[in-house]
Amino acid sequence: MIMRIFALIVALTTLAACSAPATVVEPRARLAVAEAMAGSNTDGFARVTAPRPFTFPRDHGPHPEYAIEWWYYTGNLQSVEGQRFGFQFTIFRTGLMPGEPERLSAWASSSIYMAHFALSDISGGRFYAFERFSRGAAGLAGAQSEPFRVWLEDWSAEGLGADGTPMRLRAAEDNVALDLTLTAGKPPVLQGDRGLSQKSAETGNASYYYSFTRMPISGTVRIGETLYQVSGLGWMDREWSTSALGKDQVGWDWFALHLDDGRDLMFYRLRLRNGGIDPYSKGVLVDVAGNARRLSRDEVLAEPLDYWTSPRSGATYPARWRLRVPDEAIDLTLTPLLADQELPVTVVYWEGAVAISGSATGSGYIEMTGYTPEDR
């Protein structure tokens, strides 16, 4: 997505002294998105200030000179029997210091990793979400570019070809697992200004950001003892940065949409504490051939139509949206396939599968952050 749960990684620095990874379902502490996204721990790290060339598979791999990065996958799936699923799989890296450490022990690491794995069982009416942490040492977690691979214990994303695609995702926790292969249906899209995505006015509050917006998927989903053969469409977002949110920003709403006519639409709106929408909000419309058109804040109108309140966090999220791009004759209604797709993790947020109706049909994902009591 955009800056994506950058906030969650910052919390990991408190685990730097740990000697083993942990699986977390209900963490003991919560963080506000804006508090963690302010980018206060930036000493010695590079800042994103100018466009730069992208090369693959090199840029699929790690960028330890920056404080944070993430590999972010979402998608909608259907089994051969007709069951529907949504999934999210994300690995985050946060830097404790720039570059690589002097290896005085097998546990020495300059990075800590966190991962989220979520599955929406649409047909079964259940949502599963898991969180893990580990240091980037002793083989527990890490990232590499050639061949491309990023992992946290036995959760991983890896490239199967010379350029890093197709990509295989594998994750399993409790009674839930996925094993998916995603191919590059379109070329990568460089977001923002040639891959530089500015998030607020301060110099350096930006990320390098590219996306594979349409990735045909095949593979399996397992719930309990039942294994489903599935296919569908996925979206990959790849970002690295050192700081992002400004002091007046409280959170964001991110839309990643696959239209049945072959177009892909992404838009993120950065919300201000005064209720306004930041001018650095932006998006992209990708046509059938993979050509991308940048969208400014003023070209996209996003209006909540309904609301849902979480019984766990007390957060009230938009539950249905109307999203319009008047210049493209796009007028969509986005409806969650499950009401409760809130991840009860270190920084609580809602991310889930949606159905698209209106001027076009399709499927997609929405992410909403900055709605919990901690964010107010």
Protein backbone atom coordinates (compact mmCIF):
# COMPACT_ATOMS: atom_id res chain seq x y z
CA MET A 1 0.00 0.00 0.00
CA ILE A 2 1.20 3.40 0.89
CA MET A 3 3.29 3.69 3.95
CA ARG A 4 1.56 0.62 5.34
CA ILE A 5 1.70 -0.16 9.01
CA PHE A 6 5.12 1.45 9.30
CA ALA A 7 4.04 2.12 12.87
CA LEU A 8 4.03 -1.50 13.89
CA ILE A 9 7.68 -2.01 13.17
CA VAL A 10 8.84 0.82 15.38
CA ALA A 11 7.38 -1.06 18.33
CA LEU A 12 9.76 -3.91 17.62
CA THR A 13 12.81 -2.03 18.83
CA THR A 14 11.77 -2.94 22.36
CA LEU A 15 12.43 -6.58 21.46
CA ALA A 16 16.05 -6.04 20.47
CA ALA A 17 17.41 -7.77 23.56
CA CYS A 18 15.26 -10.88 23.13
CA SER A 19 17.00 -14.15 22.32
CA ALA A 20 14.12 -15.87 20.51
CA PRO A 21 11.19 -14.96 18.27
CA ALA A 22 7.62 -14.82 19.50
CA THR A 23 4.19 -15.35 18.04
CA VAL A 24 1.76 -12.68 19.22
CA VAL A 25 -2.02 -12.84 18.97
CA GLU A 26 -3.08 -10.37 21.67
CA PRO A 27 -0.13 -8.02 22.38
CA ARG A 28 0.24 -6.39 25.78
CA ALA A 29 0.70 -2.85 24.47
CA ARG A 30 -0.93 -0.72 21.80
CA LEU A 31 0.54 2.12 19.80
CA ALA A 32 -1.11 5.02 18.02
CA VAL A 33 -0.34 5.13 14.30
CA ALA A 34 0.71 8.79 14.26
CA GLU A 35 2.96 8.34 17.31
CA ALA A 36 4.97 5.59 15.65
CA MET A 37 4.89 6.96 12.09
CA ALA A 38 6.50 10.27 13.02
CA GLY A 39 9.92 8.80 12.27
CA SER A 40 11.78 10.00 15.37
CA ASN A 41 14.43 7.24 15.31
CA THR A 42 16.21 8.31 12.10
CA ASP A 43 19.81 9.05 13.16
CA GLY A 44 22.22 7.73 10.57
CA PHE A 45 19.56 6.36 8.24
CA ALA A 46 19.11 7.54 4.65
CA ARG A 47 16.10 9.70 3.78
CA VAL A 48 13.96 9.57 0.66
CA THR A 49 14.51 12.93 -1.03
CA ALA A 50 14.85 12.36 -4.81
CA PRO A 51 13.74 9.83 -7.44
CA ARG A 52 16.14 6.97 -8.15
CA PRO A 53 16.31 4.10 -10.66
CA PHE A 54 14.68 0.78 -9.78
CA THR A 55 16.24 -2.55 -10.73
CA PHE A 56 14.87 -6.07 -10.26
CA PRO A 57 15.33 -8.38 -8.51
CA ARG A 58 17.69 -6.11 -6.53
CA ASP A 59 14.91 -3.86 -5.22
CA HIS A 60 12.77 -6.81 -4.16
CA GLY A 61 15.51 -7.39 -1.59
CA PRO A 62 16.46 -5.42 1.56
CA HIS A 63 17.56 -1.77 1.87
CA PRO A 64 19.31 -1.68 5.27
CA GLU A 65 20.37 1.96 4.85
CA TYR A 66 16.69 2.93 5.45
CA ALA A 67 14.93 2.56 8.79
CA ILE A 68 11.91 0.57 7.64
CA GLU A 69 10.56 -1.43 4.75
CA TRP A 70 7.79 -3.88 3.97
CA TRP A 71 6.67 -6.54 1.53
CA TYR A 72 2.86 -6.39 1.37
CA TYR A 73 0.49 -8.82 -0.34
CA THR A 74 -3.32 -8.88 -0.44
CA GLY A 75 -5.79 -10.72 -2.64
CA ASN A 76 -9.17 -12.28 -3.23
CA LEU A 77 -9.46 -16.03 -3.87
CA GLN A 78 -12.09 -18.58 -4.83
CA SER A 79 -11.92 -22.36 -4.52
CA VAL A 80 -12.93 -24.76 -7.28
CA GLU A 81 -16.07 -25.49 -5.21
CA GLY A 82 -16.95 -21.77 -5.01
CA GLN A 83 -15.80 -20.84 -1.48
CA ARG A 84 -14.43 -17.30 -1.24
CA PHE A 85 -11.43 -16.04 0.74
CA GLY A 86 -9.40 -12.90 1.22
CA PHE A 87 -5.82 -12.86 2.46
CA GLN A 88 -3.15 -10.48 3.70
CA PHE A 89 0.50 -11.44 4.10
CA THR A 90 3.07 -8.84 5.15
CA ILE A 91 6.67 -8.88 6.37
CA PHE A 92 8.12 -5.69 7.87
CA ARG A 93 11.77 -4.89 8.62
CA THR A 94 12.83 -2.15 11.03
CA GLY A 95 16.42 -1.04 11.41
CA LEU A 96 18.04 -0.71 14.82
CA MET A 97 21.10 0.87 13.18
CA PRO A 98 22.04 1.64 9.57
CA GLY A 99 23.73 -1.07 7.53
CA GLU A 100 24.86 -4.49 8.66
CA PRO A 101 26.34 -5.16 12.15
CA GLU A 102 29.79 -6.49 12.93
CA ARG A 103 29.09 -10.16 13.59
CA LEU A 104 30.43 -10.60 17.12
CA SER A 105 27.87 -13.36 17.71
CA ALA A 106 25.28 -15.34 15.78
CA TRP A 107 22.59 -13.21 17.44
CA ALA A 108 23.99 -9.84 16.29
CA SER A 109 21.49 -8.01 14.11
CA SER A 110 20.81 -4.49 12.89
CA SER A 111 17.19 -5.34 12.02
CA ILE A 112 14.07 -6.75 13.61
CA TYR A 113 11.29 -8.32 11.58
CA MET A 114 7.55 -8.49 12.12
CA ALA A 115 4.94 -10.32 10.02
CA HIS A 116 1.16 -10.34 9.73
CA PHE A 117 -0.87 -13.15 8.23
CA ALA A 118 -4.65 -12.80 7.94
CA LEU A 119 -7.31 -14.89 6.22
CA SER A 120 -10.92 -13.90 5.62
CA ASP A 121 -13.09 -17.01 5.25
CA ILE A 122 -15.95 -15.31 3.47
CA SER A 123 -18.04 -18.43 3.00
CA GLY A 124 -17.46 -19.55 6.60
CA GLY A 125 -17.96 -16.07 8.07
CA ARG A 126 -14.69 -16.06 10.05
CA PHE A 127 -11.58 -13.86 10.16
CA TYR A 128 -8.18 -15.13 11.30
CA ALA A 129 -5.20 -12.85 12.10
CA PHE A 130 -1.71 -13.61 13.43
CA GLU A 131 1.42 -11.60 14.26
CA ARG A 132 5.06 -12.67 14.68
CA PHE A 133 8.31 -10.95 15.70
CA SER A 134 11.94 -12.00 15.34
CA ARG A 135 15.43 -10.56 15.07
CA GLY A 136 17.21 -10.77 11.72
CA ALA A 137 19.85 -13.21 12.97
CA ALA A 138 20.64 -16.91 13.32
CA GLY A 139 18.46 -17.65 10.30
CA LEU A 140 15.28 -16.70 12.17
CA ALA A 141 14.32 -13.87 9.82
CA GLY A 142 15.88 -11.96 6.96
CA ALA A 143 15.74 -10.77 3.36
CA GLN A 144 17.86 -11.20 0.25
CA SER A 145 17.62 -10.03 -3.36
CA GLU A 146 19.22 -12.75 -5.51
CA PRO A 147 17.45 -15.04 -5.37
CA PHE A 148 14.67 -12.93 -3.87
CA ARG A 149 13.48 -14.19 -0.51
CA VAL A 150 12.12 -12.61 2.68
CA TRP A 151 11.15 -14.71 5.66
CA LEU A 152 10.26 -14.87 9.33
CA GLU A 153 10.70 -18.42 10.56
CA ASP A 154 8.56 -20.57 8.22
CA TRP A 155 6.53 -17.65 6.83
CA SER A 156 8.09 -16.53 3.55
CA ALA A 157 7.83 -14.84 0.17
CA GLU A 158 10.30 -15.94 -2.47
CA GLY A 159 10.93 -15.33 -6.15
CA LEU A 160 10.81 -18.31 -8.49
CA GLY A 161 12.36 -16.63 -11.55
CA ALA A 162 15.47 -14.64 -12.39
CA ASP A 163 13.65 -11.30 -12.01
CA GLY A 164 12.00 -12.31 -8.74
CA THR A 165 8.69 -13.36 -10.28
CA PRO A 166 6.56 -15.42 -10.00
CA MET A 167 6.46 -15.15 -6.20
CA ARG A 168 5.50 -17.90 -3.78
CA LEU A 169 3.90 -17.07 -0.41
CA ARG A 170 3.78 -19.58 2.44
CA ALA A 171 2.40 -19.12 5.94
CA ALA A 172 0.76 -21.37 8.51
CA GLU A 173 -0.48 -20.72 12.05
CA ASP A 174 -2.78 -22.79 14.25
CA ASN A 175 -5.38 -24.35 11.91
CA VAL A 176 -4.90 -21.90 9.01
CA ALA A 177 -2.38 -21.99 6.15
CA LEU A 178 -1.79 -20.71 2.65
CA ASP A 179 0.60 -21.66 -0.14
CA LEU A 180 0.15 -19.36 -3.13
CA THR A 181 1.99 -18.55 -6.35
CA LEU A 182 1.54 -15.03 -7.74
CA THR A 183 2.56 -14.17 -11.30
CA ALA A 184 3.17 -10.67 -12.64
CA GLY A 185 0.09 -9.99 -14.75
CA LYS A 186 1.32 -6.44 -15.49
CA PRO A 187 4.70 -4.69 -15.20
CA PRO A 188 5.55 -3.04 -11.86
CA VAL A 189 4.08 0.43 -11.36
CA LEU A 190 6.29 3.14 -9.86
CA GLN A 191 4.07 5.08 -7.48
CA GLY A 192 4.17 8.86 -7.01
CA ASP A 193 6.97 10.69 -8.82
CA ARG A 194 8.90 7.89 -10.60
CA GLY A 195 8.67 5.76 -7.47
CA LEU A 196 9.08 8.52 -4.86
CA SER A 197 5.87 8.76 -2.84
CA GLN A 198 5.81 11.94 -0.74
CA LYS A 199 3.63 11.52 2.38
CA SER A 200 3.85 14.97 4.02
CA ALA A 201 5.47 18.38 3.51
CA GLU A 202 8.68 17.77 5.45
CA THR A 203 11.67 16.83 3.30
CA GLY A 204 12.35 13.11 3.62
CA ASN A 205 8.83 12.21 4.77
CA ALA A 206 8.46 9.90 1.80
CA SER A 207 9.00 6.33 0.62
CA TYR A 208 10.30 4.56 -2.43
CA TYR A 209 7.24 2.66 -3.58
CA TYR A 210 6.32 0.30 -6.39
CA SER A 211 3.43 -2.11 -6.91
CA PHE A 212 2.48 -5.18 -8.87
CA THR A 213 -1.17 -4.23 -9.21
CA ARG A 214 -2.57 -7.38 -10.84
CA MET A 215 -1.06 -10.76 -9.97
CA PRO A 216 -2.97 -13.90 -11.00
CA ILE A 217 -2.84 -16.44 -8.15
CA SER A 218 -3.02 -20.21 -7.87
CA GLY A 219 -2.41 -22.40 -4.85
CA THR A 220 -4.02 -23.72 -1.69
CA VAL A 221 -5.71 -22.48 1.46
CA ARG A 222 -6.14 -24.76 4.45
CA ILE A 223 -8.59 -24.30 7.32
CA GLY A 224 -8.50 -27.12 9.85
CA GLU A 225 -8.25 -30.39 7.94
CA THR A 226 -9.82 -29.03 4.76
CA LEU A 227 -7.53 -28.07 1.87
CA TYR A 228 -8.94 -25.80 -0.84
CA GLN A 229 -7.49 -25.41 -4.33
CA VAL A 230 -7.86 -21.70 -5.07
CA SER A 231 -7.26 -19.07 -7.73
CA GLY A 232 -7.75 -15.33 -7.84
CA LEU A 233 -6.03 -11.95 -8.09
CA GLY A 234 -3.44 -10.38 -5.79
CA TRP A 235 -1.70 -7.08 -5.25
CA MET A 236 1.88 -6.53 -4.05
CA ASP A 237 3.10 -3.25 -2.52
CA ARG A 238 6.79 -2.73 -1.85
CA GLU A 239 8.10 0.28 0.11
CA TRP A 240 11.14 1.44 2.02
CA SER A 241 11.58 4.65 3.95
CA THR A 242 12.89 6.28 7.12
CA SER A 243 10.01 8.60 8.08
CA ALA A 244 6.55 9.32 6.71
CA LEU A 245 3.70 10.88 8.67
CA GLY A 246 3.69 14.55 9.64
CA LYS A 247 2.51 15.87 13.01
CA ASP A 248 -0.95 16.84 11.70
CA GLN A 249 -1.71 13.42 10.16
CA VAL A 250 -3.60 10.81 12.18
CA GLY A 251 -4.05 7.86 9.79
CA TRP A 252 -5.03 6.78 6.30
CA ASP A 253 -7.53 4.88 4.17
CA TRP A 254 -6.03 2.78 1.35
CA PHE A 255 -7.95 1.24 -1.53
CA ALA A 256 -6.51 -1.41 -3.90
CA LEU A 257 -9.12 -2.43 -6.46
CA HIS A 258 -9.25 -4.95 -9.30
CA LEU A 259 -11.97 -4.05 -11.79
CA ASP A 260 -13.43 -6.82 -13.92
CA ASP A 261 -12.76 -4.79 -17.08
CA GLY A 262 -9.01 -5.26 -16.46
CA ARG A 263 -8.18 -1.91 -14.85
CA ASP A 264 -6.61 -1.52 -11.40
CA LEU A 265 -7.19 1.44 -9.09
CA MET A 266 -5.22 2.46 -6.02
CA PHE A 267 -5.88 5.50 -3.86
CA TYR A 268 -4.78 6.45 -0.36
CA ARG A 269 -6.19 9.38 1.56
CA LEU A 270 -4.19 10.72 4.48
CA ARG A 271 -6.47 12.01 7.22
CA LEU A 272 -5.66 15.11 9.27
CA ARG A 273 -6.42 15.61 12.95
CA ASN A 274 -8.83 18.43 12.08
CA GLY A 275 -10.91 16.05 9.94
CA GLY A 276 -9.52 17.20 6.60
CA ILE A 277 -7.75 15.22 3.88
CA ASP A 278 -4.07 15.94 3.34
CA PRO A 279 -3.05 17.28 -0.11
CA TYR A 280 -0.37 14.56 -0.28
CA SER A 281 -3.10 11.94 -0.70
CA LYS A 282 -2.80 10.31 -4.12
CA GLY A 283 -3.33 7.25 -6.27
CA VAL A 284 -2.97 5.60 -9.66
CA LEU A 285 -5.21 4.10 -12.34
CA VAL A 286 -3.62 1.28 -14.36
CA ASP A 287 -5.18 0.30 -17.69
CA VAL A 288 -5.44 -3.19 -19.19
CA ALA A 289 -2.02 -2.88 -20.86
CA GLY A 290 -0.30 -1.73 -17.65
CA ASN A 291 -0.11 1.98 -18.45
CA ALA A 292 -0.41 4.07 -15.27
CA ARG A 293 -2.12 7.42 -14.79
CA ARG A 294 -1.35 9.31 -11.59
CA LEU A 295 -4.34 10.57 -9.57
CA SER A 296 -4.22 13.59 -7.27
CA ARG A 297 -6.25 14.07 -4.11
CA ASP A 298 -8.77 16.30 -5.89
CA GLU A 299 -9.42 13.78 -8.69
CA VAL A 300 -10.72 11.07 -6.33
CA LEU A 301 -13.78 11.44 -4.09
CA ALA A 302 -14.11 8.89 -1.26
CA GLU A 303 -17.23 9.04 0.91
CA PRO A 304 -18.14 6.68 3.79
CA LEU A 305 -21.69 5.32 3.46
CA ASP A 306 -21.96 3.29 6.66
CA TYR A 307 -19.98 2.48 9.84
CA TRP A 308 -19.02 -0.51 11.98
CA THR A 309 -17.75 -0.44 15.59
CA SER A 310 -15.30 -3.08 16.79
CA PRO A 311 -16.35 -4.86 19.99
CA ARG A 312 -12.64 -5.36 20.86
CA SER A 313 -10.89 -2.04 20.22
CA GLY A 314 -13.89 0.31 20.34
CA ALA A 315 -12.80 1.78 16.97
CA THR A 316 -15.53 2.89 14.59
CA TYR A 317 -14.56 2.34 10.94
CA PRO A 318 -16.30 3.22 7.68
CA ALA A 319 -18.09 0.01 6.69
CA ARG A 320 -19.00 0.85 3.10
CA TRP A 321 -17.61 3.44 0.70
CA ARG A 322 -18.53 5.35 -2.43
CA LEU A 323 -15.41 6.05 -4.48
CA ARG A 324 -15.53 8.23 -7.58
CA VAL A 325 -13.07 9.37 -10.25
CA PRO A 326 -15.29 11.74 -12.26
CA ASP A 327 -12.80 12.33 -15.08
CA GLU A 328 -12.74 8.57 -15.74
CA ALA A 329 -16.51 8.04 -15.29
CA ILE A 330 -15.75 5.76 -12.32
CA ASP A 331 -18.43 5.58 -9.60
CA LEU A 332 -18.00 2.59 -7.30
CA THR A 333 -19.56 1.21 -4.13
CA LEU A 334 -17.17 -0.83 -1.98
CA THR A 335 -18.75 -3.30 0.44
CA PRO A 336 -16.80 -5.42 2.98
CA LEU A 337 -17.25 -9.15 2.48
CA LEU A 338 -17.03 -9.52 6.28
CA ALA A 339 -17.82 -6.70 8.70
CA ASP A 340 -15.09 -7.69 11.16
CA GLN A 341 -11.71 -7.77 9.42
CA GLU A 342 -9.88 -5.85 12.15
CA LEU A 343 -6.41 -7.12 13.08
CA PRO A 344 -5.97 -7.20 16.90
CA VAL A 345 -2.21 -6.63 16.73
CA THR A 346 0.32 -4.15 18.12
CA VAL A 347 -1.16 -1.25 16.15
CA VAL A 348 -4.80 -2.14 15.59
CA TYR A 349 -6.13 -1.57 12.07
CA TRP A 350 -8.83 -2.83 9.70
CA GLU A 351 -7.78 -4.52 6.49
CA GLY A 352 -10.12 -6.67 4.50
CA ALA A 353 -11.65 -7.96 1.31
CA VAL A 354 -14.37 -5.93 -0.42
CA ALA A 355 -16.77 -6.38 -3.32
CA ILE A 356 -17.09 -3.68 -5.99
CA SER A 357 -20.33 -2.59 -7.65
CA GLY A 358 -21.50 0.48 -9.56
CA SER A 359 -20.03 1.70 -12.83
CA ALA A 360 -17.74 -1.36 -12.73
CA THR A 361 -17.65 -4.63 -10.81
CA GLY A 362 -14.72 -6.39 -9.23
CA SER A 363 -12.95 -7.14 -5.96
CA GLY A 364 -10.34 -5.46 -3.81
CA TYR A 365 -8.88 -4.64 -0.42
CA ILE A 366 -9.23 -1.67 1.91
CA GLU A 367 -6.94 -0.73 4.78
CA MET A 368 -8.00 1.76 7.46
CA THR A 369 -5.72 3.01 10.24
CA GLY A 370 -5.90 5.71 12.92
CA TYR A 371 -9.42 4.94 14.17
CA THR A 372 -8.74 3.45 17.62
CA PRO A 373 -9.00 5.33 20.96
CA GLU A 374 -5.17 5.40 21.08
CA ASP A 375 -5.19 7.46 17.86
CA ARG A 376 -7.54 10.16 19.13
